[in-house]
N, C-alpha and C. Protein backbone atom coordinates (compact mmCIF):
# COMPACT_ATOMS: atom_id res chain seq x y z
N MET A 1 18.05 13.98 -12.26
CA MET A 1 16.99 14.32 -11.33
C MET A 1 17.02 13.38 -10.13
N THR A 2 16.88 13.93 -8.94
CA THR A 2 16.78 13.13 -7.73
C THR A 2 15.34 12.67 -7.54
N GLN A 3 15.12 11.38 -7.41
CA GLN A 3 13.78 10.84 -7.22
C GLN A 3 13.31 11.07 -5.79
N ILE A 4 12.16 11.72 -5.66
CA ILE A 4 11.55 11.97 -4.36
C ILE A 4 10.38 11.01 -4.18
N TYR A 5 10.32 10.34 -3.05
CA TYR A 5 9.21 9.43 -2.74
C TYR A 5 8.30 10.08 -1.71
N ASN A 6 7.09 10.36 -2.12
CA ASN A 6 6.13 11.04 -1.26
C ASN A 6 5.20 10.01 -0.62
N PHE A 7 5.32 9.81 0.68
CA PHE A 7 4.48 8.86 1.39
C PHE A 7 3.42 9.57 2.23
N SER A 8 2.98 10.73 1.78
CA SER A 8 1.97 11.47 2.52
C SER A 8 0.62 10.76 2.45
N ALA A 9 -0.32 11.24 3.27
CA ALA A 9 -1.63 10.59 3.34
C ALA A 9 -2.49 10.89 2.12
N GLY A 10 -2.15 11.91 1.37
CA GLY A 10 -2.93 12.26 0.19
C GLY A 10 -2.24 11.74 -1.06
N PRO A 11 -2.11 12.59 -2.11
CA PRO A 11 -1.40 12.16 -3.31
C PRO A 11 -0.01 11.64 -2.96
N ALA A 12 0.33 10.50 -3.50
CA ALA A 12 1.58 9.86 -3.11
C ALA A 12 2.26 9.24 -4.33
N VAL A 13 3.15 8.31 -4.10
CA VAL A 13 3.98 7.72 -5.16
C VAL A 13 3.12 7.00 -6.19
N LEU A 14 3.44 7.22 -7.47
CA LEU A 14 2.81 6.50 -8.57
C LEU A 14 3.87 5.66 -9.27
N PRO A 15 3.49 4.53 -9.86
CA PRO A 15 4.46 3.72 -10.61
C PRO A 15 5.05 4.51 -11.77
N LYS A 16 6.35 4.36 -12.00
CA LYS A 16 7.00 5.09 -13.09
C LYS A 16 6.36 4.78 -14.43
N GLU A 17 5.90 3.53 -14.60
CA GLU A 17 5.27 3.15 -15.86
C GLU A 17 4.01 3.97 -16.12
N VAL A 18 3.27 4.25 -15.07
CA VAL A 18 2.05 5.05 -15.20
C VAL A 18 2.41 6.49 -15.57
N LEU A 19 3.41 7.05 -14.90
CA LEU A 19 3.83 8.41 -15.20
C LEU A 19 4.36 8.53 -16.63
N ALA A 20 5.13 7.52 -17.06
CA ALA A 20 5.69 7.54 -18.41
C ALA A 20 4.59 7.49 -19.46
N GLN A 21 3.58 6.64 -19.23
CA GLN A 21 2.48 6.55 -20.19
C GLN A 21 1.69 7.85 -20.24
N ALA A 22 1.44 8.45 -19.07
CA ALA A 22 0.72 9.72 -19.02
C ALA A 22 1.49 10.81 -19.76
N ALA A 23 2.82 10.82 -19.58
CA ALA A 23 3.65 11.82 -20.27
C ALA A 23 3.61 11.62 -21.78
N ALA A 24 3.68 10.36 -22.21
CA ALA A 24 3.70 10.06 -23.64
C ALA A 24 2.38 10.43 -24.31
N GLU A 25 1.28 10.32 -23.56
CA GLU A 25 -0.04 10.59 -24.13
C GLU A 25 -0.51 12.02 -23.88
N MET A 26 0.31 12.83 -23.22
CA MET A 26 -0.12 14.17 -22.86
C MET A 26 -0.44 15.03 -24.08
N LEU A 27 0.38 14.94 -25.12
CA LEU A 27 0.18 15.79 -26.30
C LEU A 27 -0.80 15.20 -27.29
N ASP A 28 -0.89 13.88 -27.34
CA ASP A 28 -1.76 13.23 -28.32
C ASP A 28 -2.29 11.93 -27.72
N TRP A 29 -3.54 11.97 -27.28
CA TRP A 29 -4.11 10.77 -26.65
C TRP A 29 -4.65 9.82 -27.70
N HIS A 30 -3.99 8.68 -27.85
CA HIS A 30 -4.41 7.59 -28.73
C HIS A 30 -4.72 8.06 -30.15
N GLY A 31 -3.90 8.96 -30.67
CA GLY A 31 -4.08 9.41 -32.05
C GLY A 31 -5.22 10.37 -32.27
N SER A 32 -5.75 10.92 -31.18
CA SER A 32 -6.89 11.84 -31.31
C SER A 32 -6.48 13.23 -31.77
N GLY A 33 -5.16 13.53 -31.66
CA GLY A 33 -4.69 14.86 -32.00
C GLY A 33 -4.89 15.86 -30.88
N MET A 34 -5.36 15.39 -29.73
CA MET A 34 -5.61 16.26 -28.58
C MET A 34 -5.01 15.66 -27.32
N SER A 35 -4.69 16.55 -26.39
CA SER A 35 -4.35 16.11 -25.04
C SER A 35 -5.63 15.80 -24.28
N VAL A 36 -5.56 14.92 -23.31
CA VAL A 36 -6.72 14.67 -22.45
C VAL A 36 -7.18 15.97 -21.79
N MET A 37 -6.24 16.86 -21.53
CA MET A 37 -6.56 18.12 -20.86
C MET A 37 -7.31 19.09 -21.77
N GLU A 38 -7.38 18.78 -23.08
CA GLU A 38 -8.04 19.66 -24.03
C GLU A 38 -9.39 19.13 -24.50
N MET A 39 -9.72 17.91 -24.14
CA MET A 39 -10.93 17.25 -24.66
C MET A 39 -12.20 17.81 -24.05
N SER A 40 -13.27 17.74 -24.83
CA SER A 40 -14.59 18.01 -24.28
C SER A 40 -14.98 16.86 -23.37
N HIS A 41 -15.53 17.19 -22.22
CA HIS A 41 -15.96 16.13 -21.30
C HIS A 41 -17.20 15.41 -21.81
N ARG A 42 -17.78 15.91 -22.91
CA ARG A 42 -18.91 15.24 -23.53
C ARG A 42 -18.52 14.53 -24.83
N GLY A 43 -17.26 14.67 -25.24
CA GLY A 43 -16.81 14.09 -26.49
C GLY A 43 -16.60 12.59 -26.39
N PRO A 44 -16.60 11.90 -27.53
CA PRO A 44 -16.46 10.44 -27.52
C PRO A 44 -15.13 9.95 -26.95
N GLU A 45 -14.06 10.74 -27.14
CA GLU A 45 -12.76 10.32 -26.62
C GLU A 45 -12.78 10.26 -25.09
N PHE A 46 -13.32 11.33 -24.48
CA PHE A 46 -13.33 11.33 -23.01
C PHE A 46 -14.35 10.33 -22.47
N ILE A 47 -15.48 10.20 -23.14
CA ILE A 47 -16.49 9.23 -22.70
C ILE A 47 -15.88 7.83 -22.65
N SER A 48 -15.02 7.51 -23.63
CA SER A 48 -14.39 6.18 -23.63
C SER A 48 -13.44 6.02 -22.45
N ILE A 49 -12.73 7.10 -22.08
CA ILE A 49 -11.85 7.06 -20.91
C ILE A 49 -12.68 6.82 -19.65
N TYR A 50 -13.78 7.55 -19.53
CA TYR A 50 -14.65 7.42 -18.36
C TYR A 50 -15.23 6.01 -18.26
N GLN A 51 -15.71 5.49 -19.37
CA GLN A 51 -16.32 4.16 -19.35
C GLN A 51 -15.29 3.08 -18.99
N ALA A 52 -14.06 3.24 -19.48
CA ALA A 52 -13.01 2.28 -19.14
C ALA A 52 -12.66 2.35 -17.66
N ALA A 53 -12.64 3.56 -17.10
CA ALA A 53 -12.34 3.71 -15.67
C ALA A 53 -13.42 3.06 -14.81
N VAL A 54 -14.67 3.25 -15.19
CA VAL A 54 -15.78 2.62 -14.46
C VAL A 54 -15.67 1.10 -14.54
N ALA A 55 -15.41 0.58 -15.75
CA ALA A 55 -15.30 -0.87 -15.93
C ALA A 55 -14.14 -1.44 -15.13
N ASP A 56 -13.01 -0.73 -15.13
CA ASP A 56 -11.83 -1.21 -14.38
C ASP A 56 -12.13 -1.27 -12.88
N LEU A 57 -12.77 -0.22 -12.35
CA LEU A 57 -13.06 -0.20 -10.92
C LEU A 57 -14.08 -1.28 -10.55
N ARG A 58 -15.07 -1.47 -11.42
CA ARG A 58 -16.06 -2.52 -11.16
C ARG A 58 -15.38 -3.89 -11.10
N GLU A 59 -14.42 -4.11 -11.99
CA GLU A 59 -13.72 -5.40 -12.01
C GLU A 59 -12.84 -5.56 -10.78
N LEU A 60 -12.10 -4.52 -10.42
CA LEU A 60 -11.18 -4.61 -9.28
C LEU A 60 -11.92 -4.85 -7.96
N LEU A 61 -13.10 -4.25 -7.82
CA LEU A 61 -13.86 -4.38 -6.58
C LEU A 61 -14.96 -5.43 -6.67
N ALA A 62 -15.10 -6.07 -7.84
CA ALA A 62 -16.18 -7.04 -8.05
C ALA A 62 -17.52 -6.42 -7.67
N VAL A 63 -17.80 -5.25 -8.22
CA VAL A 63 -19.02 -4.52 -7.88
C VAL A 63 -20.23 -5.23 -8.50
N PRO A 64 -21.22 -5.58 -7.71
CA PRO A 64 -22.42 -6.25 -8.24
C PRO A 64 -23.14 -5.37 -9.27
N ASP A 65 -23.91 -6.02 -10.14
CA ASP A 65 -24.59 -5.30 -11.21
C ASP A 65 -25.62 -4.30 -10.70
N ASN A 66 -26.15 -4.51 -9.51
CA ASN A 66 -27.18 -3.60 -8.99
C ASN A 66 -26.59 -2.41 -8.23
N TYR A 67 -25.28 -2.20 -8.36
CA TYR A 67 -24.62 -1.03 -7.77
C TYR A 67 -24.10 -0.13 -8.89
N LYS A 68 -24.11 1.17 -8.64
CA LYS A 68 -23.57 2.15 -9.57
C LYS A 68 -22.21 2.65 -9.09
N VAL A 69 -21.32 2.94 -10.04
CA VAL A 69 -20.05 3.59 -9.74
C VAL A 69 -20.15 5.04 -10.20
N LEU A 70 -19.92 5.97 -9.30
CA LEU A 70 -20.01 7.39 -9.61
C LEU A 70 -18.67 8.06 -9.32
N PHE A 71 -18.20 8.87 -10.27
CA PHE A 71 -17.03 9.71 -10.04
C PHE A 71 -17.53 11.13 -9.82
N LEU A 72 -17.32 11.66 -8.62
CA LEU A 72 -17.90 12.94 -8.24
C LEU A 72 -16.83 13.93 -7.80
N GLN A 73 -17.15 15.20 -7.92
CA GLN A 73 -16.28 16.24 -7.39
C GLN A 73 -16.54 16.42 -5.90
N GLY A 74 -15.66 17.12 -5.24
CA GLY A 74 -15.89 17.45 -3.84
C GLY A 74 -15.08 16.64 -2.86
N GLY A 75 -14.50 15.52 -3.31
CA GLY A 75 -13.68 14.71 -2.42
C GLY A 75 -14.49 14.05 -1.31
N GLY A 76 -13.77 13.41 -0.39
CA GLY A 76 -14.42 12.70 0.70
C GLY A 76 -15.25 13.61 1.58
N LEU A 77 -14.76 14.82 1.84
CA LEU A 77 -15.50 15.75 2.69
C LEU A 77 -16.82 16.15 2.03
N GLY A 78 -16.82 16.29 0.72
CA GLY A 78 -18.06 16.61 0.01
C GLY A 78 -19.10 15.53 0.18
N GLU A 79 -18.65 14.28 0.27
CA GLU A 79 -19.58 13.17 0.45
C GLU A 79 -20.30 13.25 1.79
N ASN A 80 -19.72 13.91 2.76
CA ASN A 80 -20.38 14.05 4.06
C ASN A 80 -21.67 14.85 3.97
N ALA A 81 -21.81 15.65 2.92
CA ALA A 81 -23.07 16.34 2.65
C ALA A 81 -23.92 15.57 1.66
N ILE A 82 -23.27 15.03 0.62
CA ILE A 82 -24.01 14.33 -0.43
C ILE A 82 -24.78 13.13 0.11
N VAL A 83 -24.14 12.35 0.97
CA VAL A 83 -24.79 11.13 1.47
C VAL A 83 -26.05 11.43 2.27
N PRO A 84 -26.00 12.28 3.31
CA PRO A 84 -27.25 12.55 4.02
C PRO A 84 -28.30 13.23 3.17
N LEU A 85 -27.89 14.11 2.29
CA LEU A 85 -28.87 14.80 1.45
C LEU A 85 -29.61 13.83 0.54
N ASN A 86 -29.00 12.71 0.21
CA ASN A 86 -29.64 11.72 -0.66
C ASN A 86 -30.34 10.60 0.10
N LEU A 87 -29.89 10.28 1.30
CA LEU A 87 -30.44 9.12 2.00
C LEU A 87 -31.43 9.45 3.11
N VAL A 88 -31.36 10.64 3.66
CA VAL A 88 -32.25 10.98 4.78
C VAL A 88 -33.72 10.93 4.36
N GLY A 89 -34.00 11.30 3.13
CA GLY A 89 -35.38 11.33 2.65
C GLY A 89 -36.04 9.97 2.52
N ARG A 90 -35.28 8.89 2.70
CA ARG A 90 -35.85 7.54 2.63
C ARG A 90 -36.77 7.26 3.81
N LYS A 91 -36.64 7.99 4.88
CA LYS A 91 -37.36 7.70 6.12
C LYS A 91 -38.28 8.87 6.49
N PRO A 92 -39.32 8.58 7.28
CA PRO A 92 -40.18 9.68 7.78
C PRO A 92 -39.34 10.69 8.55
N GLN A 93 -39.71 11.94 8.41
CA GLN A 93 -38.94 13.01 9.05
C GLN A 93 -39.50 13.33 10.43
N PRO A 94 -38.68 13.73 11.38
CA PRO A 94 -37.22 13.89 11.25
C PRO A 94 -36.50 12.54 11.33
N ALA A 95 -35.64 12.31 10.37
CA ALA A 95 -34.90 11.04 10.30
C ALA A 95 -33.67 11.08 11.20
N THR A 96 -33.22 9.89 11.58
CA THR A 96 -32.02 9.76 12.42
C THR A 96 -30.93 9.03 11.66
N ILE A 97 -29.70 9.52 11.78
CA ILE A 97 -28.54 8.86 11.21
C ILE A 97 -27.69 8.33 12.36
N ASP A 98 -27.32 7.07 12.27
CA ASP A 98 -26.44 6.47 13.29
C ASP A 98 -24.98 6.59 12.85
N PHE A 99 -24.13 6.99 13.79
CA PHE A 99 -22.69 7.10 13.52
C PHE A 99 -21.90 6.31 14.54
N VAL A 100 -20.81 5.72 14.09
CA VAL A 100 -19.82 5.17 15.00
C VAL A 100 -18.61 6.10 14.91
N HIS A 101 -18.31 6.77 16.02
CA HIS A 101 -17.27 7.81 16.05
C HIS A 101 -15.95 7.19 16.47
N THR A 102 -15.06 7.02 15.50
CA THR A 102 -13.78 6.35 15.77
C THR A 102 -12.58 7.25 15.57
N GLY A 103 -12.80 8.53 15.26
CA GLY A 103 -11.66 9.41 15.07
C GLY A 103 -12.01 10.69 14.33
N SER A 104 -10.99 11.33 13.78
CA SER A 104 -11.13 12.64 13.17
C SER A 104 -12.11 12.65 12.01
N TRP A 105 -11.99 11.68 11.10
CA TRP A 105 -12.81 11.72 9.89
C TRP A 105 -14.27 11.41 10.17
N SER A 106 -14.55 10.42 11.00
CA SER A 106 -15.95 10.16 11.35
C SER A 106 -16.51 11.33 12.15
N GLY A 107 -15.65 12.01 12.92
CA GLY A 107 -16.09 13.19 13.64
C GLY A 107 -16.54 14.30 12.71
N LYS A 108 -15.81 14.50 11.61
CA LYS A 108 -16.21 15.49 10.61
C LYS A 108 -17.53 15.10 9.97
N SER A 109 -17.72 13.81 9.75
CA SER A 109 -18.97 13.33 9.15
C SER A 109 -20.15 13.60 10.08
N VAL A 110 -19.96 13.38 11.37
CA VAL A 110 -21.01 13.66 12.36
C VAL A 110 -21.39 15.14 12.32
N LYS A 111 -20.41 15.99 12.33
CA LYS A 111 -20.65 17.44 12.37
C LYS A 111 -21.44 17.90 11.15
N GLU A 112 -21.09 17.39 9.97
CA GLU A 112 -21.79 17.80 8.76
C GLU A 112 -23.22 17.25 8.73
N ALA A 113 -23.40 16.01 9.14
CA ALA A 113 -24.73 15.39 9.10
C ALA A 113 -25.72 16.08 10.03
N GLN A 114 -25.23 16.71 11.09
CA GLN A 114 -26.11 17.40 12.03
C GLN A 114 -26.85 18.57 11.38
N ARG A 115 -26.39 18.98 10.22
CA ARG A 115 -27.06 20.07 9.50
C ARG A 115 -28.32 19.58 8.79
N TYR A 116 -28.45 18.26 8.60
CA TYR A 116 -29.53 17.73 7.77
C TYR A 116 -30.47 16.78 8.49
N ALA A 117 -30.06 16.27 9.64
CA ALA A 117 -30.88 15.26 10.31
C ALA A 117 -30.49 15.15 11.77
N LYS A 118 -31.29 14.38 12.50
CA LYS A 118 -30.93 14.05 13.87
C LYS A 118 -29.81 13.03 13.84
N VAL A 119 -28.79 13.21 14.65
CA VAL A 119 -27.64 12.30 14.67
C VAL A 119 -27.61 11.54 15.98
N ASN A 120 -27.45 10.24 15.88
CA ASN A 120 -27.26 9.38 17.05
C ASN A 120 -25.86 8.79 16.98
N VAL A 121 -25.00 9.16 17.91
CA VAL A 121 -23.68 8.54 17.98
C VAL A 121 -23.87 7.20 18.69
N ALA A 122 -23.98 6.15 17.89
CA ALA A 122 -24.31 4.82 18.42
C ALA A 122 -23.18 4.25 19.27
N ALA A 123 -21.97 4.67 18.98
CA ALA A 123 -20.80 4.24 19.76
C ALA A 123 -19.67 5.23 19.49
N THR A 124 -18.81 5.41 20.46
CA THR A 124 -17.67 6.30 20.29
C THR A 124 -16.43 5.72 20.94
N ALA A 125 -15.31 5.96 20.30
CA ALA A 125 -14.02 5.52 20.84
C ALA A 125 -13.31 6.66 21.56
N GLU A 126 -14.01 7.78 21.75
CA GLU A 126 -13.37 8.95 22.36
C GLU A 126 -12.86 8.70 23.78
N PRO A 127 -13.59 7.96 24.65
CA PRO A 127 -13.06 7.74 26.00
C PRO A 127 -11.69 7.07 26.02
N GLY A 128 -11.41 6.25 25.02
CA GLY A 128 -10.10 5.60 24.93
C GLY A 128 -9.13 6.32 24.03
N ARG A 129 -9.45 7.60 23.74
CA ARG A 129 -8.61 8.45 22.88
C ARG A 129 -8.45 7.87 21.48
N PHE A 130 -9.52 7.27 20.99
CA PHE A 130 -9.59 6.77 19.62
C PHE A 130 -8.46 5.80 19.28
N THR A 131 -8.28 4.83 20.14
CA THR A 131 -7.23 3.83 19.92
C THR A 131 -7.79 2.48 19.48
N SER A 132 -9.12 2.36 19.39
CA SER A 132 -9.72 1.09 18.95
C SER A 132 -11.13 1.34 18.45
N VAL A 133 -11.66 0.36 17.74
CA VAL A 133 -13.04 0.42 17.27
C VAL A 133 -13.94 -0.19 18.36
N PRO A 134 -14.99 0.50 18.77
CA PRO A 134 -15.88 -0.08 19.78
C PRO A 134 -16.47 -1.41 19.30
N SER A 135 -16.55 -2.39 20.17
CA SER A 135 -17.13 -3.68 19.79
C SER A 135 -18.57 -3.47 19.36
N GLN A 136 -19.00 -4.23 18.35
CA GLN A 136 -20.35 -4.00 17.83
C GLN A 136 -21.42 -4.27 18.89
N GLN A 137 -21.12 -5.10 19.85
CA GLN A 137 -22.09 -5.39 20.90
C GLN A 137 -22.43 -4.13 21.72
N SER A 138 -21.55 -3.14 21.69
CA SER A 138 -21.77 -1.92 22.47
C SER A 138 -22.53 -0.85 21.68
N TRP A 139 -22.75 -1.07 20.39
CA TRP A 139 -23.40 -0.06 19.56
C TRP A 139 -24.87 0.05 19.93
N LYS A 140 -25.36 1.27 20.08
CA LYS A 140 -26.78 1.51 20.36
C LYS A 140 -27.42 2.10 19.11
N LEU A 141 -27.82 1.20 18.21
CA LEU A 141 -28.35 1.60 16.91
C LEU A 141 -29.82 1.97 17.01
N THR A 142 -30.23 2.89 16.14
CA THR A 142 -31.62 3.30 16.04
C THR A 142 -32.37 2.29 15.18
N PRO A 143 -33.52 1.77 15.65
CA PRO A 143 -34.22 0.72 14.90
C PRO A 143 -34.56 1.09 13.45
N ASP A 144 -34.91 2.35 13.19
CA ASP A 144 -35.33 2.74 11.85
C ASP A 144 -34.46 3.87 11.32
N ALA A 145 -33.16 3.77 11.51
CA ALA A 145 -32.23 4.82 11.08
C ALA A 145 -32.22 4.97 9.57
N ALA A 146 -31.95 6.19 9.11
CA ALA A 146 -31.81 6.42 7.66
C ALA A 146 -30.63 5.63 7.11
N TYR A 147 -29.55 5.57 7.89
CA TYR A 147 -28.39 4.74 7.56
C TYR A 147 -27.43 4.72 8.74
N VAL A 148 -26.48 3.80 8.69
CA VAL A 148 -25.41 3.72 9.69
C VAL A 148 -24.11 4.08 8.99
N HIS A 149 -23.37 5.02 9.56
CA HIS A 149 -22.13 5.51 8.95
C HIS A 149 -20.92 5.06 9.75
N VAL A 150 -19.94 4.50 9.04
CA VAL A 150 -18.66 4.15 9.66
C VAL A 150 -17.53 4.66 8.77
N CYS A 151 -16.41 5.00 9.39
CA CYS A 151 -15.17 5.28 8.66
C CYS A 151 -14.26 4.09 8.91
N THR A 152 -14.04 3.28 7.89
CA THR A 152 -13.38 1.99 8.10
C THR A 152 -11.88 2.08 8.32
N ASN A 153 -11.30 3.26 8.09
CA ASN A 153 -9.88 3.45 8.39
C ASN A 153 -9.63 4.91 8.72
N GLU A 154 -9.32 5.18 9.97
CA GLU A 154 -9.06 6.55 10.43
C GLU A 154 -7.56 6.82 10.36
N THR A 155 -7.13 7.54 9.32
CA THR A 155 -5.69 7.73 9.11
C THR A 155 -5.03 8.55 10.21
N ILE A 156 -5.71 9.56 10.71
CA ILE A 156 -5.10 10.43 11.72
C ILE A 156 -4.93 9.71 13.04
N ASP A 157 -5.93 8.90 13.39
CA ASP A 157 -5.90 8.21 14.68
C ASP A 157 -5.35 6.80 14.60
N GLY A 158 -5.18 6.26 13.39
CA GLY A 158 -4.59 4.94 13.23
C GLY A 158 -5.50 3.80 13.65
N VAL A 159 -6.80 3.94 13.37
CA VAL A 159 -7.77 2.92 13.75
C VAL A 159 -8.43 2.36 12.50
N GLU A 160 -8.44 1.03 12.37
CA GLU A 160 -9.00 0.38 11.19
C GLU A 160 -9.94 -0.76 11.61
N TYR A 161 -11.06 -0.86 10.91
CA TYR A 161 -11.99 -1.96 11.17
C TYR A 161 -11.39 -3.27 10.66
N ASN A 162 -11.57 -4.33 11.43
CA ASN A 162 -11.19 -5.67 10.97
C ASN A 162 -12.41 -6.56 10.84
N PHE A 163 -13.58 -5.92 10.76
CA PHE A 163 -14.83 -6.66 10.57
C PHE A 163 -15.80 -5.79 9.79
N VAL A 164 -16.79 -6.44 9.18
CA VAL A 164 -17.86 -5.70 8.49
C VAL A 164 -19.03 -5.59 9.45
N PRO A 165 -19.42 -4.38 9.81
CA PRO A 165 -20.53 -4.22 10.75
C PRO A 165 -21.84 -4.79 10.18
N THR A 166 -22.70 -5.25 11.06
CA THR A 166 -24.04 -5.69 10.66
C THR A 166 -25.03 -4.62 11.10
N VAL A 167 -26.05 -4.42 10.29
CA VAL A 167 -27.06 -3.40 10.57
C VAL A 167 -28.44 -4.05 10.62
N GLN A 168 -29.41 -3.28 11.09
CA GLN A 168 -30.75 -3.82 11.30
C GLN A 168 -31.63 -3.63 10.07
N GLY A 169 -32.38 -4.68 9.72
CA GLY A 169 -33.36 -4.58 8.65
C GLY A 169 -32.77 -4.13 7.33
N ASP A 170 -33.44 -3.14 6.72
CA ASP A 170 -32.98 -2.64 5.42
C ASP A 170 -32.16 -1.36 5.56
N THR A 171 -31.66 -1.09 6.76
CA THR A 171 -30.84 0.11 6.97
C THR A 171 -29.54 0.01 6.18
N PRO A 172 -29.25 0.99 5.32
CA PRO A 172 -27.99 0.93 4.57
C PRO A 172 -26.77 1.16 5.47
N LEU A 173 -25.72 0.43 5.20
CA LEU A 173 -24.43 0.66 5.85
C LEU A 173 -23.60 1.53 4.92
N VAL A 174 -23.23 2.71 5.38
CA VAL A 174 -22.43 3.65 4.60
C VAL A 174 -21.01 3.65 5.14
N ALA A 175 -20.03 3.48 4.26
CA ALA A 175 -18.64 3.39 4.70
C ALA A 175 -17.76 4.39 3.97
N ASP A 176 -17.03 5.17 4.75
CA ASP A 176 -15.97 6.03 4.21
C ASP A 176 -14.70 5.18 4.17
N MET A 177 -14.30 4.80 2.96
CA MET A 177 -13.11 3.95 2.78
C MET A 177 -11.98 4.71 2.09
N SER A 178 -11.96 6.03 2.25
CA SER A 178 -11.03 6.86 1.49
C SER A 178 -9.58 6.40 1.54
N SER A 179 -9.11 6.00 2.71
CA SER A 179 -7.68 5.76 2.87
C SER A 179 -7.24 4.32 2.65
N HIS A 180 -8.20 3.39 2.46
CA HIS A 180 -7.73 2.01 2.22
C HIS A 180 -8.53 1.25 1.17
N ILE A 181 -9.35 1.94 0.40
CA ILE A 181 -10.05 1.26 -0.68
C ILE A 181 -9.03 0.70 -1.67
N LEU A 182 -9.30 -0.46 -2.21
CA LEU A 182 -8.43 -1.20 -3.13
C LEU A 182 -7.19 -1.79 -2.45
N SER A 183 -7.13 -1.72 -1.14
CA SER A 183 -5.99 -2.33 -0.45
C SER A 183 -6.29 -3.78 -0.05
N ARG A 184 -7.53 -4.19 -0.24
CA ARG A 184 -7.95 -5.54 0.15
C ARG A 184 -9.24 -5.88 -0.58
N VAL A 185 -9.66 -7.13 -0.48
CA VAL A 185 -10.93 -7.56 -1.06
C VAL A 185 -12.07 -7.01 -0.21
N ILE A 186 -13.08 -6.44 -0.86
CA ILE A 186 -14.25 -5.90 -0.18
C ILE A 186 -15.49 -6.60 -0.72
N ASP A 187 -16.38 -7.03 0.17
CA ASP A 187 -17.67 -7.55 -0.25
C ASP A 187 -18.62 -6.36 -0.36
N VAL A 188 -18.70 -5.79 -1.55
CA VAL A 188 -19.48 -4.57 -1.76
C VAL A 188 -20.94 -4.78 -1.39
N SER A 189 -21.45 -5.99 -1.58
CA SER A 189 -22.87 -6.26 -1.33
C SER A 189 -23.28 -6.06 0.12
N LYS A 190 -22.32 -6.00 1.02
CA LYS A 190 -22.64 -5.79 2.44
C LYS A 190 -22.81 -4.31 2.79
N TYR A 191 -22.61 -3.43 1.81
CA TYR A 191 -22.70 -2.00 2.04
C TYR A 191 -23.78 -1.38 1.16
N GLY A 192 -24.43 -0.34 1.69
CA GLY A 192 -25.37 0.41 0.87
C GLY A 192 -24.65 1.44 0.03
N VAL A 193 -23.68 2.13 0.64
CA VAL A 193 -22.87 3.14 -0.05
C VAL A 193 -21.43 3.01 0.44
N ILE A 194 -20.51 3.04 -0.51
CA ILE A 194 -19.09 3.15 -0.20
C ILE A 194 -18.59 4.41 -0.89
N PHE A 195 -17.91 5.29 -0.15
CA PHE A 195 -17.29 6.43 -0.82
C PHE A 195 -15.83 6.52 -0.43
N ALA A 196 -15.05 7.10 -1.33
CA ALA A 196 -13.61 7.19 -1.12
C ALA A 196 -13.03 8.27 -2.02
N GLY A 197 -12.05 8.99 -1.51
CA GLY A 197 -11.32 9.94 -2.33
C GLY A 197 -10.33 9.19 -3.22
N ALA A 198 -10.35 9.49 -4.51
CA ALA A 198 -9.48 8.77 -5.45
C ALA A 198 -8.00 8.97 -5.16
N GLN A 199 -7.66 10.12 -4.59
CA GLN A 199 -6.25 10.49 -4.45
C GLN A 199 -5.49 9.67 -3.43
N LYS A 200 -6.17 8.89 -2.62
CA LYS A 200 -5.48 8.12 -1.57
C LYS A 200 -4.82 6.87 -2.14
N ASN A 201 -5.63 5.96 -2.67
CA ASN A 201 -5.11 4.66 -3.11
C ASN A 201 -5.27 4.40 -4.60
N ILE A 202 -6.08 5.20 -5.29
CA ILE A 202 -6.42 4.90 -6.68
C ILE A 202 -5.56 5.68 -7.65
N GLY A 203 -5.37 6.98 -7.41
CA GLY A 203 -4.58 7.79 -8.32
C GLY A 203 -4.75 9.25 -7.98
N PRO A 204 -4.18 10.16 -8.77
CA PRO A 204 -4.30 11.58 -8.47
C PRO A 204 -5.74 12.05 -8.65
N ALA A 205 -6.14 13.02 -7.84
CA ALA A 205 -7.49 13.56 -7.95
C ALA A 205 -7.72 14.12 -9.34
N GLY A 206 -8.91 13.85 -9.91
CA GLY A 206 -9.24 14.36 -11.23
C GLY A 206 -8.76 13.48 -12.34
């Protein structure tokens, strides 16, 4: 067999050791007599897999005890609806969401959020054709925003944050880290919500 190396932005190369272990356990996971693909998602075998995955991610990211780790369907684009639907209600209505528009992905987030709340584009890199992150001094943040949204790495436009933004008061900082989560140390405590698609840096979707 000729080995193909896939360096695409989505599902990509996995270590051979991981693939070999997955293949070995496909027919019988840890002596259970079942494949992982055949298990009940409520059964003890799968619950143990889920709990181990949560514990591993918490350890890798040093997630504080007052944060929850959630594995959700819908991918990163789904989070563009989930986040506003859950956070907008924290503030008197009509609530405002602040966005920093740095490229394609944050642009999609802006478009989706407009369905649920007033959107303030606090800063945009569009005049420079999305070649840099606007300096935080230029951001025009809303004093009582429901949250501030940033995409910390724009894969299509090639723009990445090299700083952690600061926000006002108790406003949560929401970060789309889909394309570079687990690529560096993150101080999770500086964010209200971090979301990321698993298929980029963590493993295959599902």
